[in-house]
Protein backbone atom coordinates (compact mmCIF):
# COMPACT_ATOMS: atom_id res chain seq x y z
CA UNK A 1 -7.98 -18.96 24.74
CA UNK A 2 -7.01 -19.28 21.12
CA UNK A 3 -6.32 -16.01 19.24
CA UNK A 4 -9.01 -15.05 16.87
CA UNK A 5 -8.01 -15.23 13.12
CA UNK A 6 -8.39 -11.84 11.58
CA UNK A 7 -9.34 -11.60 7.89
CA UNK A 8 -9.38 -8.20 6.47
CA UNK A 9 -11.26 -7.04 3.15
CA UNK A 10 -7.86 -6.77 1.39
CA UNK A 11 -7.07 -10.35 2.22
CA UNK A 12 -10.67 -11.48 1.07
CA UNK A 13 -10.25 -9.65 -2.26
CA UNK A 14 -7.01 -11.51 -3.03
CA UNK A 15 -8.55 -14.85 -1.96
CA UNK A 16 -11.64 -14.21 -4.12
CA UNK A 17 -9.44 -13.55 -6.94
CA UNK A 18 -7.56 -16.80 -6.51
CA UNK A 19 -4.29 -14.91 -5.62
CA UNK A 20 -1.92 -16.54 -3.33
CA UNK A 21 -1.25 -14.31 -0.33
CA UNK A 22 -0.21 -14.58 3.28
CA UNK A 23 -1.24 -12.24 6.12
CA UNK A 24 1.15 -11.60 9.00
CA UNK A 25 0.73 -9.56 12.13
CA UNK A 26 3.23 -7.44 14.07
CA UNK A 27 2.69 -6.22 17.73
CA UNK A 28 1.41 -2.70 17.06
CA UNK A 29 -1.22 -2.65 19.74
CA UNK A 30 -3.34 -0.77 17.36
CA UNK A 31 -0.86 2.11 17.15
CA UNK A 32 0.69 3.62 13.93
CA UNK A 33 3.81 1.95 12.88
CA UNK A 34 5.82 3.22 9.94
CA UNK A 35 6.89 0.79 7.19
CA UNK A 36 10.53 0.64 8.35
CA UNK A 37 9.48 -0.40 11.89
CA UNK A 38 7.01 -2.96 10.35
CA UNK A 39 10.01 -4.49 8.41
CA UNK A 40 12.04 -4.64 11.65
CA UNK A 41 9.09 -6.20 13.48
CA UNK A 42 8.71 -8.84 10.66
CA UNK A 43 12.44 -9.47 10.63
CA UNK A 44 12.46 -8.82 6.83
CA UNK A 45 14.50 -6.72 4.41
CA UNK A 46 12.90 -3.17 4.48
CA UNK A 47 12.87 -3.23 0.67
CA UNK A 48 10.26 -5.84 0.77
CA UNK A 49 7.74 -3.69 2.75
CA UNK A 50 5.79 -1.16 0.83
CA UNK A 51 3.82 1.81 2.09
CA UNK A 52 0.61 2.96 0.39
CA UNK A 53 0.33 6.70 -0.14
CA UNK A 54 -2.78 8.57 -1.21
CA UNK A 55 -2.29 11.69 -3.24
CA UNK A 56 -4.35 14.39 -4.73
CA UNK A 57 -4.10 16.54 -7.89
CA UNK A 58 -6.68 18.90 -9.07
CA UNK A 59 -9.84 19.06 -7.07
CA UNK A 60 -11.45 15.74 -7.04
CA UNK A 61 -8.46 13.96 -8.58
CA UNK A 62 -7.09 11.26 -6.24
CA UNK A 63 -4.13 8.67 -6.82
CA UNK A 64 -2.37 6.02 -4.97
CA UNK A 65 1.38 5.33 -4.93
CA UNK A 66 2.95 2.19 -3.63
CA UNK A 67 6.62 2.74 -2.59
CA UNK A 68 9.23 0.85 -0.59
CA UNK A 69 9.67 1.56 3.14
CA UNK A 70 13.36 2.56 2.42
CA UNK A 71 12.37 5.35 -0.24
CA UNK A 72 10.45 8.67 -0.37
CA UNK A 73 7.92 9.26 -3.08
CA UNK A 74 9.00 11.43 -5.92
CA UNK A 75 5.88 13.58 -6.49
CA UNK A 76 7.11 14.87 -9.83
CA UNK A 77 7.76 11.42 -11.19
CA UNK A 78 4.41 10.10 -9.85
CA UNK A 79 2.66 13.07 -11.43
CA UNK A 80 4.23 12.29 -14.77
CA UNK A 81 3.27 8.65 -14.39
CA UNK A 82 -0.40 9.68 -14.06
CA UNK A 83 -0.21 12.48 -16.75
CA UNK A 84 -1.06 15.11 -14.39
CA UNK A 85 0.68 18.63 -13.63
CA UNK A 86 1.23 18.20 -9.95
CA UNK A 87 0.42 15.90 -7.02
CA UNK A 88 0.49 16.48 -3.21
CA UNK A 89 0.03 14.18 -0.33
CA UNK A 90 -3.60 13.91 0.67
CA UNK A 91 -4.32 15.76 3.85
CA UNK A 92 -4.73 13.17 6.76
CA UNK A 93 -8.23 14.43 7.60
CA UNK A 94 -9.45 13.43 4.02
CA UNK A 95 -7.92 9.92 4.16
CA UNK A 96 -10.61 7.90 5.98
CA UNK A 97 -13.61 9.57 4.14
CA UNK A 98 -11.92 8.87 0.76
CA UNK A 99 -10.54 5.43 1.26
CA UNK A 100 -12.15 3.97 4.37
CA UNK A 101 -8.72 3.45 5.85
CA UNK A 102 -6.79 5.19 8.64
CA UNK A 103 -3.14 6.27 8.78
CA UNK A 104 -0.92 3.21 9.12
CA UNK A 105 -3.43 0.79 7.73
CA UNK A 106 -4.02 2.06 4.24
CA UNK A 107 -4.08 -0.75 1.75
CA UNK A 108 -4.03 -0.54 -1.96
CA UNK A 109 -6.78 -3.09 -1.96
CA UNK A 110 -10.42 -2.45 -0.95
CA UNK A 111 -10.51 1.36 -0.85
CA UNK A 112 -14.00 2.86 -0.98
CA UNK A 113 -13.18 3.92 -4.61
CA UNK A 114 -10.92 2.36 -7.19
CA UNK A 115 -8.25 5.02 -7.51
CA UNK A 116 -5.61 5.19 -10.19
CA UNK A 117 -2.60 3.41 -8.67
CA UNK A 118 1.15 3.18 -9.44
CA UNK A 119 3.59 0.55 -7.98
CA UNK A 120 7.18 1.46 -7.69
CA UNK A 121 9.24 -0.41 -10.23
CA UNK A 122 11.33 -1.90 -7.34
CA UNK A 123 8.47 -4.00 -6.27
CA UNK A 124 8.77 -6.07 -9.40
CA UNK A 125 12.39 -6.89 -8.53
CA UNK A 126 11.25 -8.82 -5.66
CA UNK A 127 9.54 -12.32 -5.55
CA UNK A 128 6.89 -10.91 -3.13
CA UNK A 129 6.20 -7.73 -1.24
CA UNK A 130 4.44 -6.80 1.95
CA UNK A 131 1.55 -4.27 1.74
CA UNK A 132 -0.84 -3.24 4.47
CA UNK A 133 -3.81 -5.54 4.94
CA UNK A 134 -6.07 -2.60 5.77
CA UNK A 135 -5.72 -2.88 9.58
CA UNK A 136 -2.92 -1.54 11.84
CA UNK A 137 -0.40 -4.33 12.55
CA UNK A 138 -1.38 -6.59 9.64
CA UNK A 139 0.51 -7.02 6.43
CA UNK A 140 -0.08 -9.16 3.26
CA UNK A 141 2.72 -10.89 1.41
CA UNK A 142 1.83 -10.98 -2.27
CA UNK A 143 3.46 -11.06 -5.64
CA UNK A 144 3.77 -7.47 -7.03
CA UNK A 145 2.60 -8.77 -10.45
CA UNK A 146 -0.61 -10.21 -8.91
CA UNK A 147 -1.22 -7.11 -6.99
CA UNK A 148 -0.75 -4.98 -10.26
CA UNK A 149 -3.09 -7.09 -12.13
CA UNK A 150 -5.79 -7.12 -9.67
CA UNK A 151 -5.97 -3.54 -9.13
CA UNK A 152 -4.93 -2.45 -12.72
CA UNK A 153 -2.01 -0.52 -11.41
CA UNK A 154 0.73 0.98 -13.47
CA UNK A 155 4.46 0.35 -12.77
CA UNK A 156 6.74 3.48 -12.58
CA UNK A 157 10.03 4.72 -11.19
CA UNK A 158 8.40 6.97 -8.67
CA UNK A 159 10.60 6.83 -5.62
CA UNK A 160 14.16 7.79 -4.50
CA UNK A 161 16.22 6.62 -1.47
């Protein structure tokens, strides 16, 4: 039997905007895989795989940071980028109600609400980057400039090795 072609909302958003993107799949069996493991499974440089992190500031303030798999988010740098005093990682129990996504499948595209987003500067040094397609095991390869334009994201130096 032929494998069913999966199309996620994130991919549909890109296609509807006329943005060239390619979806790939890794064998996650629906389990959480970190971004470094995804890079290994795809056989690509980990600097090409980006993780989507959801943050909170003051009550009701939420933000998104897109950083390379090889780096950690610098919360102070991200806060400065958004012009807020402080940021913290969003507690996991709030992720799905806020974004519609689960851990390991959070895409910067297609969240329940459009949240202010910053993409790490290093993404723009690559021709294309991988981001989550919104479903565990699925990644989208897209140009960072196209992603930035589509979601009105900022660029920022927000990560450290």
